[in-house]
PDB file of N, CA and C in Angstrom:
ATOM      1  N   MET A   1      90.573  80.530  98.543  1.00  0.00           N
ATOM      2  CA  MET A   1      91.222  81.747  98.140  1.00  0.00           C
ATOM      3  C   MET A   1      92.708  81.628  98.453  1.00  0.00           C
ATOM      4  N   THR A   2      93.581  81.970  97.478  1.00  0.00           N
ATOM      5  CA  THR A   2      95.016  81.876  97.684  1.00  0.00           C
ATOM      6  C   THR A   2      95.623  83.260  97.755  1.00  0.00           C
ATOM      7  N   ASP A   3      96.594  83.395  98.635  1.00  0.00           N
ATOM      8  CA  ASP A   3      97.300  84.664  98.795  1.00  0.00           C
ATOM      9  C   ASP A   3      98.540  84.632  97.920  1.00  0.00           C
ATOM     10  N   GLN A   4      98.694  85.594  97.014  1.00  0.00           N
ATOM     11  CA  GLN A   4      99.805  85.616  96.082  1.00  0.00           C
ATOM     12  C   GLN A   4     100.999  86.433  96.568  1.00  0.00           C
ATOM     13  N   SER A   5     100.922  87.029  97.761  1.00  0.00           N
ATOM     14  CA  SER A   5     102.042  87.826  98.237  1.00  0.00           C
ATOM     15  C   SER A   5     103.173  86.917  98.701  1.00  0.00           C
ATOM     16  N   PRO A   6     104.420  87.318  98.422  1.00  0.00           N
ATOM     17  CA  PRO A   6     105.552  86.478  98.798  1.00  0.00           C
ATOM     18  C   PRO A   6     105.727  86.429 100.314  1.00  0.00           C
ATOM     19  N   VAL A   7     106.221  85.301 100.797  1.00  0.00           N
ATOM     20  CA  VAL A   7     106.443  85.146 102.233  1.00  0.00           C
ATOM     21  C   VAL A   7     107.656  85.948 102.650  1.00  0.00           C
ATOM     22  N   MET A   8     108.730  85.880 101.892  1.00  0.00           N
ATOM     23  CA  MET A   8     109.955  86.630 102.171  1.00  0.00           C
ATOM     24  C   MET A   8     110.476  87.216 100.866  1.00  0.00           C
ATOM     25  N   VAL A   9     111.081  88.386 100.950  1.00  0.00           N
ATOM     26  CA  VAL A   9     111.693  89.002  99.771  1.00  0.00           C
ATOM     27  C   VAL A   9     113.078  89.497 100.143  1.00  0.00           C
ATOM     28  N   ARG A  10     113.934  89.585  99.147  1.00  0.00           N
ATOM     29  CA  ARG A  10     115.274  90.124  99.365  1.00  0.00           C
ATOM     30  C   ARG A  10     115.159  91.595  99.726  1.00  0.00           C
ATOM     31  N   VAL A  11     116.117  92.083 100.504  1.00  0.00           N
ATOM     32  CA  VAL A  11     116.119  93.483 100.924  1.00  0.00           C
ATOM     33  C   VAL A  11     116.124  94.394  99.702  1.00  0.00           C
ATOM     34  N   SER A  12     116.861  94.035  98.669  1.00  0.00           N
ATOM     35  CA  SER A  12     116.914  94.873  97.460  1.00  0.00           C
ATOM     36  C   SER A  12     115.541  95.013  96.811  1.00  0.00           C
ATOM     37  N   ARG A  13     114.749  93.966  96.840  1.00  0.00           N
ATOM     38  CA  ARG A  13     113.395  94.039  96.266  1.00  0.00           C
ATOM     39  C   ARG A  13     112.464  94.825  97.188  1.00  0.00           C
ATOM     40  N   ALA A  14     112.624  94.658  98.482  1.00  0.00           N
ATOM     41  CA  ALA A  14     111.781  95.372  99.445  1.00  0.00           C
ATOM     42  C   ALA A  14     112.010  96.871  99.367  1.00  0.00           C
ATOM     43  N   GLN A  15     113.253  97.281  99.166  1.00  0.00           N
ATOM     44  CA  GLN A  15     113.512  98.721  99.129  1.00  0.00           C
ATOM     45  C   GLN A  15     112.830  99.369  97.932  1.00  0.00           C
ATOM     46  N   SER A  16     112.773  98.692  96.799  1.00  0.00           N
ATOM     47  CA  SER A  16     112.085  99.279  95.647  1.00  0.00           C
ATOM     48  C   SER A  16     110.569  99.172  95.806  1.00  0.00           C
ATOM     49  N   ALA A  17     110.090  98.100  96.419  1.00  0.00           N
ATOM     50  CA  ALA A  17     108.648  97.913  96.598  1.00  0.00           C
ATOM     51  C   ALA A  17     108.060  98.917  97.583  1.00  0.00           C
ATOM     52  N   PHE A  18     108.813  99.253  98.640  1.00  0.00           N
ATOM     53  CA  PHE A  18     108.295 100.141  99.677  1.00  0.00           C
ATOM     54  C   PHE A  18     108.827 101.565  99.568  1.00  0.00           C
ATOM     55  N   GLY A  19     109.755 101.796  98.662  1.00  0.00           N
ATOM     56  CA  GLY A  19     110.267 103.149  98.460  1.00  0.00           C
ATOM     57  C   GLY A  19     111.142 103.654  99.596  1.00  0.00           C
ATOM     58  N   VAL A  20     111.861 102.755 100.240  1.00  0.00           N
ATOM     59  CA  VAL A  20     112.792 103.147 101.303  1.00  0.00           C
ATOM     60  C   VAL A  20     114.177 102.625 100.947  1.00  0.00           C
ATOM     61  N   HIS A  21     115.189 103.295 101.450  1.00  0.00           N
ATOM     62  CA  HIS A  21     116.562 102.902 101.170  1.00  0.00           C
ATOM     63  C   HIS A  21     116.932 101.665 101.980  1.00  0.00           C
ATOM     64  N   ARG A  22     117.862 100.913 101.460  1.00  0.00           N
ATOM     65  CA  ARG A  22     118.346  99.709 102.135  1.00  0.00           C
ATOM     66  C   ARG A  22     118.808 100.019 103.552  1.00  0.00           C
ATOM     67  N   SER A  23     119.524 101.125 103.719  1.00  0.00           N
ATOM     68  CA  SER A  23     120.022 101.475 105.055  1.00  0.00           C
ATOM     69  C   SER A  23     118.874 101.767 106.027  1.00  0.00           C
ATOM     70  N   THR A  24     117.749 102.247 105.506  1.00  0.00           N
ATOM     71  CA  THR A  24     116.576 102.493 106.355  1.00  0.00           C
ATOM     72  C   THR A  24     116.029 101.170 106.872  1.00  0.00           C
ATOM     73  N   LEU A  25     115.955 100.165 106.015  1.00  0.00           N
ATOM     74  CA  LEU A  25     115.490  98.846 106.451  1.00  0.00           C
ATOM     75  C   LEU A  25     116.406  98.282 107.538  1.00  0.00           C
ATOM     76  N   TYR A  26     117.714  98.429 107.362  1.00  0.00           N
ATOM     77  CA  TYR A  26     118.651  97.940 108.369  1.00  0.00           C
ATOM     78  C   TYR A  26     118.562  98.755 109.661  1.00  0.00           C
ATOM     79  N   ARG A  27     118.306 100.045 109.545  1.00  0.00           N
ATOM     80  CA  ARG A  27     118.144 100.891 110.740  1.00  0.00           C
ATOM     81  C   ARG A  27     116.895 100.468 111.515  1.00  0.00           C
ATOM     82  N   TRP A  28     115.798 100.205 110.803  1.00  0.00           N
ATOM     83  CA  TRP A  28     114.578  99.721 111.462  1.00  0.00           C
ATOM     84  C   TRP A  28     114.836  98.382 112.144  1.00  0.00           C
ATOM     85  N   ALA A  29     115.612  97.529 111.507  1.00  0.00           N
ATOM     86  CA  ALA A  29     115.936  96.227 112.098  1.00  0.00           C
ATOM     87  C   ALA A  29     116.794  96.407 113.351  1.00  0.00           C
ATOM     88  N   ALA A  30     117.748  97.325 113.311  1.00  0.00           N
ATOM     89  CA  ALA A  30     118.600  97.579 114.481  1.00  0.00           C
ATOM     90  C   ALA A  30     117.782  98.117 115.654  1.00  0.00           C
ATOM     91  N   ALA A  31     116.688  98.829 115.346  1.00  0.00           N
ATOM     92  CA  ALA A  31     115.807  99.372 116.386  1.00  0.00           C
ATOM     93  C   ALA A  31     114.708  98.377 116.771  1.00  0.00           C
ATOM     94  N   ASP A  32     114.816  97.138 116.307  1.00  0.00           N
ATOM     95  CA  ASP A  32     113.837  96.073 116.585  1.00  0.00           C
ATOM     96  C   ASP A  32     112.421  96.409 116.115  1.00  0.00           C
ATOM     97  N   GLN A  33     112.314  97.142 115.023  1.00  0.00           N
ATOM     98  CA  GLN A  33     111.008  97.469 114.447  1.00  0.00           C
ATOM     99  C   GLN A  33     110.590  96.420 113.422  1.00  0.00           C
ATOM    100  N   ILE A  34     111.560  95.903 112.680  1.00  0.00           N
ATOM    101  CA  ILE A  34     111.344  94.810 111.736  1.00  0.00           C
ATOM    102  C   ILE A  34     112.483  93.819 111.929  1.00  0.00           C
ATOM    103  N   ARG A  35     112.375  92.680 111.290  1.00  0.00           N
ATOM    104  CA  ARG A  35     113.428  91.682 111.401  1.00  0.00           C
ATOM    105  C   ARG A  35     114.003  91.384 110.024  1.00  0.00           C
ATOM    106  N   ILE A  36     115.324  91.264 109.960  1.00  0.00           N
ATOM    107  CA  ILE A  36     116.005  90.853 108.732  1.00  0.00           C
ATOM    108  C   ILE A  36     116.511  89.435 108.951  1.00  0.00           C
ATOM    109  N   TYR A  37     116.155  88.564 108.026  1.00  0.00           N
ATOM    110  CA  TYR A  37     116.528  87.154 108.094  1.00  0.00           C
ATOM    111  C   TYR A  37     117.695  86.910 107.152  1.00  0.00           C
ATOM    112  N   LYS A  38     118.735  86.268 107.631  1.00  0.00           N
ATOM    113  CA  LYS A  38     119.920  85.985 106.823  1.00  0.00           C
ATOM    114  C   LYS A  38     119.939  84.520 106.416  1.00  0.00           C
ATOM    115  N   ARG A  39     120.247  84.278 105.161  1.00  0.00           N
ATOM    116  CA  ARG A  39     120.476  82.933 104.632  1.00  0.00           C
ATOM    117  C   ARG A  39     121.755  83.019 103.814  1.00  0.00           C
ATOM    118  N   GLY A  40     122.840  82.579 104.404  1.00  0.00           N
ATOM    119  CA  GLY A  40     124.136  82.721 103.735  1.00  0.00           C
ATOM    120  C   GLY A  40     124.476  84.201 103.623  1.00  0.00           C
ATOM    121  N   SER A  41     124.747  84.648 102.412  1.00  0.00           N
ATOM    122  CA  SER A  41     125.073  86.062 102.207  1.00  0.00           C
ATOM    123  C   SER A  41     123.852  86.893 101.809  1.00  0.00           C
ATOM    124  N   MET A  42     122.685  86.260 101.761  1.00  0.00           N
ATOM    125  CA  MET A  42     121.468  86.964 101.348  1.00  0.00           C
ATOM    126  C   MET A  42     120.658  87.420 102.556  1.00  0.00           C
ATOM    127  N   SER A  43     120.022  88.595 102.421  1.00  0.00           N
ATOM    128  CA  SER A  43     119.179  89.149 103.480  1.00  0.00           C
ATOM    129  C   SER A  43     117.747  89.245 102.981  1.00  0.00           C
ATOM    130  N   PHE A  44     116.809  88.851 103.830  1.00  0.00           N
ATOM    131  CA  PHE A  44     115.394  88.833 103.487  1.00  0.00           C
ATOM    132  C   PHE A  44     114.577  89.562 104.546  1.00  0.00           C
ATOM    133  N   VAL A  45     113.416  90.091 104.137  1.00  0.00           N
ATOM    134  CA  VAL A  45     112.449  90.653 105.070  1.00  0.00           C
ATOM    135  C   VAL A  45     111.079  90.065 104.752  1.00  0.00           C
ATOM    136  N   ASP A  46     110.210  90.113 105.733  1.00  0.00           N
ATOM    137  CA  ASP A  46     108.822  89.694 105.560  1.00  0.00           C
ATOM    138  C   ASP A  46     108.046  90.933 105.100  1.00  0.00           C
ATOM    139  N   PRO A  47     107.524  90.948 103.866  1.00  0.00           N
ATOM    140  CA  PRO A  47     106.846  92.147 103.360  1.00  0.00           C
ATOM    141  C   PRO A  47     105.645  92.555 104.221  1.00  0.00           C
ATOM    142  N   ALA A  48     104.942  91.592 104.797  1.00  0.00           N
ATOM    143  CA  ALA A  48     103.797  91.916 105.653  1.00  0.00           C
ATOM    144  C   ALA A  48     104.259  92.661 106.908  1.00  0.00           C
ATOM    145  N   GLU A  49     105.407  92.269 107.438  1.00  0.00           N
ATOM    146  CA  GLU A  49     105.959  92.929 108.620  1.00  0.00           C
ATOM    147  C   GLU A  49     106.377  94.360 108.298  1.00  0.00           C
ATOM    148  N   VAL A  50     107.027  94.550 107.159  1.00  0.00           N
ATOM    149  CA  VAL A  50     107.450  95.892 106.749  1.00  0.00           C
ATOM    150  C   VAL A  50     106.226  96.767 106.479  1.00  0.00           C
ATOM    151  N   ARG A  51     105.246  96.216 105.778  1.00  0.00           N
ATOM    152  CA  ARG A  51     104.011  96.956 105.473  1.00  0.00           C
ATOM    153  C   ARG A  51     103.312  97.382 106.764  1.00  0.00           C
ATOM    154  N   SER A  52     103.224  96.484 107.719  1.00  0.00           N
ATOM    155  CA  SER A  52     102.581  96.778 108.995  1.00  0.00           C
ATOM    156  C   SER A  52     103.324  97.880 109.743  1.00  0.00           C
ATOM    157  N   PHE A  53     104.645  97.821 109.738  1.00  0.00           N
ATOM    158  CA  PHE A  53     105.430  98.853 110.408  1.00  0.00           C
ATOM    159  C   PHE A  53     105.243 100.206 109.741  1.00  0.00           C
ATOM    160  N   ILE A  54     105.265 100.241 108.406  1.00  0.00           N
ATOM    161  CA  ILE A  54     105.102 101.502 107.676  1.00  0.00           C
ATOM    162  C   ILE A  54     103.717 102.095 107.926  1.00  0.00           C
ATOM    163  N   LYS A  55     102.683 101.263 107.951  1.00  0.00           N
ATOM    164  CA  LYS A  55     101.336 101.764 108.239  1.00  0.00           C
ATOM    165  C   LYS A  55     101.269 102.384 109.624  1.00  0.00           C
ATOM    166  N   GLY A  56     101.969 101.805 110.574  1.00  0.00           N
ATOM    167  CA  GLY A  56     102.006 102.332 111.933  1.00  0.00           C
ATOM    168  C   GLY A  56     102.742 103.648 112.046  1.00  0.00           C
ATOM    169  N   LEU A  57     103.546 103.993 111.047  1.00  0.00           N
ATOM    170  CA  LEU A  57     104.291 105.250 111.074  1.00  0.00           C
ATOM    171  C   LEU A  57     103.438 106.450 110.682  1.00  0.00           C
ATOM    172  N   GLY A  58     102.255 106.241 110.146  1.00  0.00           N
ATOM    173  CA  GLY A  58     101.413 107.328 109.643  1.00  0.00           C
ATOM    174  C   GLY A  58     101.248 108.476 110.619  1.00  0.00           C
ATOM    175  N   ASP A  59     100.878 108.207 111.847  1.00  0.00           N
ATOM    176  CA  ASP A  59     100.674 109.263 112.830  1.00  0.00           C
ATOM    177  C   ASP A  59     101.972 109.959 113.202  1.00  0.00           C
ATOM    178  N   THR A  60     103.048 109.210 113.340  1.00  0.00           N
ATOM    179  CA  THR A  60     104.301 109.820 113.761  1.00  0.00           C
ATOM    180  C   THR A  60     104.936 110.654 112.663  1.00  0.00           C
ATOM    181  N   LEU A  61     104.602 110.376 111.426  1.00  0.00           N
ATOM    182  CA  LEU A  61     105.153 111.147 110.316  1.00  0.00           C
ATOM    183  C   LEU A  61     104.227 112.272 109.861  1.00  0.00           C
ATOM    184  N   GLY A  62     103.128 112.470 110.569  1.00  0.00           N
ATOM    185  CA  GLY A  62     102.224 113.561 110.217  1.00  0.00           C
ATOM    186  C   GLY A  62     101.283 113.240 109.077  1.00  0.00           C
ATOM    187  N   ASP A  63     100.812 112.017 108.998  1.00  0.00           N
ATOM    188  CA  ASP A  63      99.875 111.614 107.951  1.00  0.00           C
ATOM    189  C   ASP A  63      98.596 112.418 108.114  1.00  0.00           C
ATOM    190  N   ARG A  64      98.342 113.314 107.203  1.00  0.00           N
ATOM    191  CA  ARG A  64      97.186 114.211 107.325  1.00  0.00           C
ATOM    192  C   ARG A  64      95.859 113.483 107.212  1.00  0.00           C
ATOM    193  N   SER A  65      95.831 112.366 106.496  1.00  0.00           N
ATOM    194  CA  SER A  65      94.567 111.640 106.364  1.00  0.00           C
ATOM    195  C   SER A  65      94.118 111.102 107.708  1.00  0.00           C
ATOM    196  N   GLN A  66      95.032 110.856 108.614  1.00  0.00           N
ATOM    197  CA  GLN A  66      94.695 110.389 109.942  1.00  0.00           C
ATOM    198  C   GLN A  66      94.211 111.519 110.835  1.00  0.00           C
ATOM    199  N   LYS A  67      94.459 112.776 110.440  1.00  0.00           N
ATOM    200  CA  LYS A  67      94.118 113.908 111.269  1.00  0.00           C
ATOM    201  C   LYS A  67      92.935 114.722 110.721  1.00  0.00           C
ATOM    202  N   GLY A  68      92.244 114.160 109.747  1.00  0.00           N
ATOM    203  CA  GLY A  68      91.041 114.798 109.235  1.00  0.00           C
ATOM    204  C   GLY A  68      91.266 115.871 108.177  1.00  0.00           C
ATOM    205  N   SER A  69      92.428 115.921 107.598  1.00  0.00           N
ATOM    206  CA  SER A  69      92.704 116.901 106.550  1.00  0.00           C
ATOM    207  C   SER A  69      92.007 116.493 105.258  1.00  0.00           C
ATOM    208  N   ASN A  70      91.681 117.456 104.411  1.00  0.00           N
ATOM    209  CA  ASN A  70      91.038 117.186 103.135  1.00  0.00           C
ATOM    210  C   ASN A  70      92.033 116.882 102.036  1.00  0.00           C
ATOM    211  N   LEU A  71      93.334 116.869 102.326  1.00  0.00           N
ATOM    212  CA  LEU A  71      94.337 116.611 101.300  1.00  0.00           C
ATOM    213  C   LEU A  71      94.421 115.180 100.939  1.00  0.00           C
TER     214      LEU A  71
END
């Protein structure tokens, strides 16, 4: 079985894929929540790392599905 998810993506692609602003990704990186990798003038993130961090935000953002709501 092969995994088709990219290992690293540009920040511009990650912001559209995850629905967050570029500055939010950099703010998370400054808070050591995710890591931004630089190669020359390009910035990359690990989509699995961003996905994992966003999933962990569910409780702190009031995700009702985690609290037994029917919504």
